[in-house]
Amino acid sequence: MYVNSNCVGCSQCVAFCKHGAIIAKGRATITDKCKECGVCNSYCPMKAIQPGQVV
């Protein structure tokens, strides 16, 4: 999972991540704890969290 430029730093994704894989200080950051479950994207109002990795 990666965070695209739509992220506004609302931190809603942090509360819904079961794995504690998101850090939000300003813009959200996905850590290596991520299991690619996609729950965070379901709750992101900006749809800023996307599957895959930035290349």
PDB file of N, CA and C in Angstrom:
ATOM      1  N   MET A   1       0.848  -1.172   0.000  1.00  0.00           N
ATOM      2  CA  MET A   1       0.000   0.000   0.000  1.00  0.00           C
ATOM      3  C   MET A   1       0.895   1.238   0.000  1.00  0.00           C
ATOM      4  N   TYR A   2       0.397   2.296  -0.600  1.00  0.00           N
ATOM      5  CA  TYR A   2       1.119   3.567  -0.590  1.00  0.00           C
ATOM      6  C   TYR A   2       0.122   4.705  -0.467  1.00  0.00           C
ATOM      7  N   VAL A   3       0.615   5.847  -0.056  1.00  0.00           N
ATOM      8  CA  VAL A   3      -0.209   7.036   0.124  1.00  0.00           C
ATOM      9  C   VAL A   3       0.047   7.961  -1.059  1.00  0.00           C
ATOM     10  N   ASN A   4      -1.038   8.320  -1.766  1.00  0.00           N
ATOM     11  CA  ASN A   4      -0.872   9.215  -2.909  1.00  0.00           C
ATOM     12  C   ASN A   4      -1.022  10.677  -2.470  1.00  0.00           C
ATOM     13  N   SER A   5      -0.966  11.581  -3.407  1.00  0.00           N
ATOM     14  CA  SER A   5      -0.992  13.017  -3.104  1.00  0.00           C
ATOM     15  C   SER A   5      -2.354  13.533  -2.628  1.00  0.00           C
ATOM     16  N   ASN A   6      -3.374  12.676  -2.615  1.00  0.00           N
ATOM     17  CA  ASN A   6      -4.689  13.093  -2.117  1.00  0.00           C
ATOM     18  C   ASN A   6      -4.727  13.211  -0.594  1.00  0.00           C
ATOM     19  N   CYS A   7      -3.750  12.649   0.093  1.00  0.00           N
ATOM     20  CA  CYS A   7      -3.744  12.642   1.559  1.00  0.00           C
ATOM     21  C   CYS A   7      -3.730  14.072   2.097  1.00  0.00           C
ATOM     22  N   VAL A   8      -4.674  14.337   3.018  1.00  0.00           N
ATOM     23  CA  VAL A   8      -4.755  15.656   3.651  1.00  0.00           C
ATOM     24  C   VAL A   8      -4.343  15.596   5.124  1.00  0.00           C
ATOM     25  N   GLY A   9      -3.892  14.414   5.577  1.00  0.00           N
ATOM     26  CA  GLY A   9      -3.426  14.269   6.954  1.00  0.00           C
ATOM     27  C   GLY A   9      -4.514  14.212   7.995  1.00  0.00           C
ATOM     28  N   CYS A  10      -5.692  13.721   7.636  1.00  0.00           N
ATOM     29  CA  CYS A  10      -6.811  13.673   8.590  1.00  0.00           C
ATOM     30  C   CYS A  10      -6.629  12.591   9.661  1.00  0.00           C
ATOM     31  N   SER A  11      -5.788  11.597   9.409  1.00  0.00           N
ATOM     32  CA  SER A  11      -5.449  10.507  10.345  1.00  0.00           C
ATOM     33  C   SER A  11      -6.555   9.494  10.590  1.00  0.00           C
ATOM     34  N   GLN A  12      -7.641   9.529   9.832  1.00  0.00           N
ATOM     35  CA  GLN A  12      -8.705   8.546  10.034  1.00  0.00           C
ATOM     36  C   GLN A  12      -8.224   7.126   9.780  1.00  0.00           C
ATOM     37  N   CYS A  13      -7.315   6.956   8.862  1.00  0.00           N
ATOM     38  CA  CYS A  13      -6.795   5.633   8.517  1.00  0.00           C
ATOM     39  C   CYS A  13      -6.091   4.976   9.701  1.00  0.00           C
ATOM     40  N   VAL A  14      -5.442   5.777  10.539  1.00  0.00           N
ATOM     41  CA  VAL A  14      -4.685   5.252  11.677  1.00  0.00           C
ATOM     42  C   VAL A  14      -5.600   4.475  12.613  1.00  0.00           C
ATOM     43  N   ALA A  15      -6.765   5.009  12.881  1.00  0.00           N
ATOM     44  CA  ALA A  15      -7.699   4.378  13.813  1.00  0.00           C
ATOM     45  C   ALA A  15      -8.224   3.033  13.314  1.00  0.00           C
ATOM     46  N   PHE A  16      -8.281   2.846  12.024  1.00  0.00           N
ATOM     47  CA  PHE A  16      -8.850   1.618  11.468  1.00  0.00           C
ATOM     48  C   PHE A  16      -7.823   0.566  11.084  1.00  0.00           C
ATOM     49  N   CYS A  17      -6.546   0.877  11.167  1.00  0.00           N
ATOM     50  CA  CYS A  17      -5.507  -0.087  10.812  1.00  0.00           C
ATOM     51  C   CYS A  17      -5.337  -1.091  11.945  1.00  0.00           C
ATOM     52  N   LYS A  18      -5.676  -2.358  11.683  1.00  0.00           N
ATOM     53  CA  LYS A  18      -5.584  -3.423  12.681  1.00  0.00           C
ATOM     54  C   LYS A  18      -4.146  -3.795  13.005  1.00  0.00           C
ATOM     55  N   HIS A  19      -3.214  -3.427  12.150  1.00  0.00           N
ATOM     56  CA  HIS A  19      -1.832  -3.860  12.291  1.00  0.00           C
ATOM     57  C   HIS A  19      -0.905  -2.764  12.808  1.00  0.00           C
ATOM     58  N   GLY A  20      -1.469  -1.588  13.059  1.00  0.00           N
ATOM     59  CA  GLY A  20      -0.648  -0.472  13.535  1.00  0.00           C
ATOM     60  C   GLY A  20       0.413  -0.067  12.530  1.00  0.00           C
ATOM     61  N   ALA A  21       0.048  -0.141  11.246  1.00  0.00           N
ATOM     62  CA  ALA A  21       1.020   0.075  10.177  1.00  0.00           C
ATOM     63  C   ALA A  21       1.031   1.485   9.607  1.00  0.00           C
ATOM     64  N   ILE A  22       0.223   2.378  10.156  1.00  0.00           N
ATOM     65  CA  ILE A  22       0.147   3.731   9.601  1.00  0.00           C
ATOM     66  C   ILE A  22       0.570   4.751  10.643  1.00  0.00           C
ATOM     67  N   ILE A  23       1.447   5.625  10.223  1.00  0.00           N
ATOM     68  CA  ILE A  23       1.881   6.747  11.051  1.00  0.00           C
ATOM     69  C   ILE A  23       1.369   8.004  10.360  1.00  0.00           C
ATOM     70  N   ALA A  24       0.718   8.874  11.111  1.00  0.00           N
ATOM     71  CA  ALA A  24       0.204  10.105  10.505  1.00  0.00           C
ATOM     72  C   ALA A  24       0.685  11.313  11.289  1.00  0.00           C
ATOM     73  N   LYS A  25       1.731  11.903  10.804  1.00  0.00           N
ATOM     74  CA  LYS A  25       2.220  13.180  11.327  1.00  0.00           C
ATOM     75  C   LYS A  25       2.245  14.089  10.119  1.00  0.00           C
ATOM     76  N   GLY A  26       1.172  14.815   9.931  1.00  0.00           N
ATOM     77  CA  GLY A  26       0.981  15.523   8.668  1.00  0.00           C
ATOM     78  C   GLY A  26       0.378  14.512   7.710  1.00  0.00           C
ATOM     79  N   ARG A  27       1.116  14.149   6.702  1.00  0.00           N
ATOM     80  CA  ARG A  27       0.652  13.157   5.727  1.00  0.00           C
ATOM     81  C   ARG A  27       0.879  11.736   6.257  1.00  0.00           C
ATOM     82  N   ALA A  28      -0.026  10.816   5.960  1.00  0.00           N
ATOM     83  CA  ALA A  28       0.082   9.429   6.415  1.00  0.00           C
ATOM     84  C   ALA A  28       1.266   8.723   5.752  1.00  0.00           C
ATOM     85  N   THR A  29       1.853   7.792   6.491  1.00  0.00           N
ATOM     86  CA  THR A  29       2.944   6.969   5.988  1.00  0.00           C
ATOM     87  C   THR A  29       2.634   5.517   6.332  1.00  0.00           C
ATOM     88  N   ILE A  30       2.755   4.627   5.352  1.00  0.00           N
ATOM     89  CA  ILE A  30       2.529   3.198   5.563  1.00  0.00           C
ATOM     90  C   ILE A  30       3.874   2.564   5.928  1.00  0.00           C
ATOM     91  N   THR A  31       3.914   1.833   7.046  1.00  0.00           N
ATOM     92  CA  THR A  31       5.160   1.193   7.477  1.00  0.00           C
ATOM     93  C   THR A  31       5.224  -0.249   6.977  1.00  0.00           C
ATOM     94  N   ASP A  32       6.318  -0.908   7.279  1.00  0.00           N
ATOM     95  CA  ASP A  32       6.498  -2.293   6.848  1.00  0.00           C
ATOM     96  C   ASP A  32       5.628  -3.287   7.617  1.00  0.00           C
ATOM     97  N   LYS A  33       4.860  -2.830   8.588  1.00  0.00           N
ATOM     98  CA  LYS A  33       3.897  -3.688   9.291  1.00  0.00           C
ATOM     99  C   LYS A  33       2.650  -3.958   8.450  1.00  0.00           C
ATOM    100  N   CYS A  34       2.493  -3.232   7.352  1.00  0.00           N
ATOM    101  CA  CYS A  34       1.307  -3.332   6.494  1.00  0.00           C
ATOM    102  C   CYS A  34       1.139  -4.746   5.950  1.00  0.00           C
ATOM    103  N   LYS A  35      -0.083  -5.255   6.021  1.00  0.00           N
ATOM    104  CA  LYS A  35      -0.428  -6.588   5.512  1.00  0.00           C
ATOM    105  C   LYS A  35      -1.238  -6.518   4.228  1.00  0.00           C
ATOM    106  N   GLU A  36      -1.356  -5.310   3.631  1.00  0.00           N
ATOM    107  CA  GLU A  36      -2.077  -5.115   2.360  1.00  0.00           C
ATOM    108  C   GLU A  36      -3.555  -5.514   2.438  1.00  0.00           C
ATOM    109  N   CYS A  37      -4.177  -5.392   3.610  1.00  0.00           N
ATOM    110  CA  CYS A  37      -5.579  -5.810   3.759  1.00  0.00           C
ATOM    111  C   CYS A  37      -6.555  -4.817   3.116  1.00  0.00           C
ATOM    112  N   GLY A  38      -6.165  -3.541   2.995  1.00  0.00           N
ATOM    113  CA  GLY A  38      -6.993  -2.541   2.336  1.00  0.00           C
ATOM    114  C   GLY A  38      -8.060  -1.884   3.194  1.00  0.00           C
ATOM    115  N   VAL A  39      -8.142  -2.246   4.461  1.00  0.00           N
ATOM    116  CA  VAL A  39      -9.155  -1.654   5.338  1.00  0.00           C
ATOM    117  C   VAL A  39      -8.966  -0.141   5.437  1.00  0.00           C
ATOM    118  N   CYS A  40      -7.739   0.305   5.514  1.00  0.00           N
ATOM    119  CA  CYS A  40      -7.468   1.738   5.646  1.00  0.00           C
ATOM    120  C   CYS A  40      -8.050   2.530   4.479  1.00  0.00           C
ATOM    121  N   ASN A  41      -7.927   2.003   3.274  1.00  0.00           N
ATOM    122  CA  ASN A  41      -8.459   2.708   2.111  1.00  0.00           C
ATOM    123  C   ASN A  41      -9.977   2.803   2.168  1.00  0.00           C
ATOM    124  N   SER A  42     -10.618   1.802   2.740  1.00  0.00           N
ATOM    125  CA  SER A  42     -12.078   1.823   2.870  1.00  0.00           C
ATOM    126  C   SER A  42     -12.553   2.993   3.721  1.00  0.00           C
ATOM    127  N   TYR A  43     -11.740   3.412   4.678  1.00  0.00           N
ATOM    128  CA  TYR A  43     -12.120   4.483   5.587  1.00  0.00           C
ATOM    129  C   TYR A  43     -11.510   5.832   5.241  1.00  0.00           C
ATOM    130  N   CYS A  44     -10.650   5.872   4.246  1.00  0.00           N
ATOM    131  CA  CYS A  44     -10.018   7.132   3.857  1.00  0.00           C
ATOM    132  C   CYS A  44     -10.998   7.967   3.029  1.00  0.00           C
ATOM    133  N   PRO A  45     -11.397   9.145   3.524  1.00  0.00           N
ATOM    134  CA  PRO A  45     -12.355   9.964   2.782  1.00  0.00           C
ATOM    135  C   PRO A  45     -11.777  10.504   1.461  1.00  0.00           C
ATOM    136  N   MET A  46     -10.458  10.548   1.356  1.00  0.00           N
ATOM    137  CA  MET A  46      -9.811  11.076   0.162  1.00  0.00           C
ATOM    138  C   MET A  46      -9.344   9.967  -0.798  1.00  0.00           C
ATOM    139  N   LYS A  47      -9.531   8.709  -0.403  1.00  0.00           N
ATOM    140  CA  LYS A  47      -9.050   7.552  -1.191  1.00  0.00           C
ATOM    141  C   LYS A  47      -7.579   7.719  -1.516  1.00  0.00           C
ATOM    142  N   ALA A  48      -6.812   8.136  -0.508  1.00  0.00           N
ATOM    143  CA  ALA A  48      -5.397   8.424  -0.699  1.00  0.00           C
ATOM    144  C   ALA A  48      -4.497   7.204  -0.532  1.00  0.00           C
ATOM    145  N   ILE A  49      -5.040   6.110   0.001  1.00  0.00           N
ATOM    146  CA  ILE A  49      -4.224   4.916   0.205  1.00  0.00           C
ATOM    147  C   ILE A  49      -4.571   3.917  -0.887  1.00  0.00           C
ATOM    148  N   GLN A  50      -3.552   3.511  -1.613  1.00  0.00           N
ATOM    149  CA  GLN A  50      -3.741   2.656  -2.796  1.00  0.00           C
ATOM    150  C   GLN A  50      -2.919   1.376  -2.678  1.00  0.00           C
ATOM    151  N   PRO A  51      -3.394   0.311  -3.289  1.00  0.00           N
ATOM    152  CA  PRO A  51      -2.620  -0.934  -3.280  1.00  0.00           C
ATOM    153  C   PRO A  51      -1.363  -0.814  -4.130  1.00  0.00           C
ATOM    154  N   GLY A  52      -0.377  -1.628  -3.806  1.00  0.00           N
ATOM    155  CA  GLY A  52       0.867  -1.632  -4.556  1.00  0.00           C
ATOM    156  C   GLY A  52       1.897  -0.728  -3.928  1.00  0.00           C
ATOM    157  N   GLN A  53       2.955  -0.477  -4.670  1.00  0.00           N
ATOM    158  CA  GLN A  53       4.042   0.370  -4.202  1.00  0.00           C
ATOM    159  C   GLN A  53       4.344   1.435  -5.236  1.00  0.00           C
ATOM    160  N   VAL A  54       4.846   2.535  -4.768  1.00  0.00           N
ATOM    161  CA  VAL A  54       5.277   3.589  -5.673  1.00  0.00           C
ATOM    162  C   VAL A  54       6.578   3.135  -6.324  1.00  0.00           C
ATOM    163  N   VAL A  55       6.647   3.226  -7.650  1.00  0.00           N
ATOM    164  CA  VAL A  55       7.868   2.843  -8.358  1.00  0.00           C
ATOM    165  C   VAL A  55       8.545   4.051  -8.968  1.00  0.00           C
TER     166      VAL A  55
END
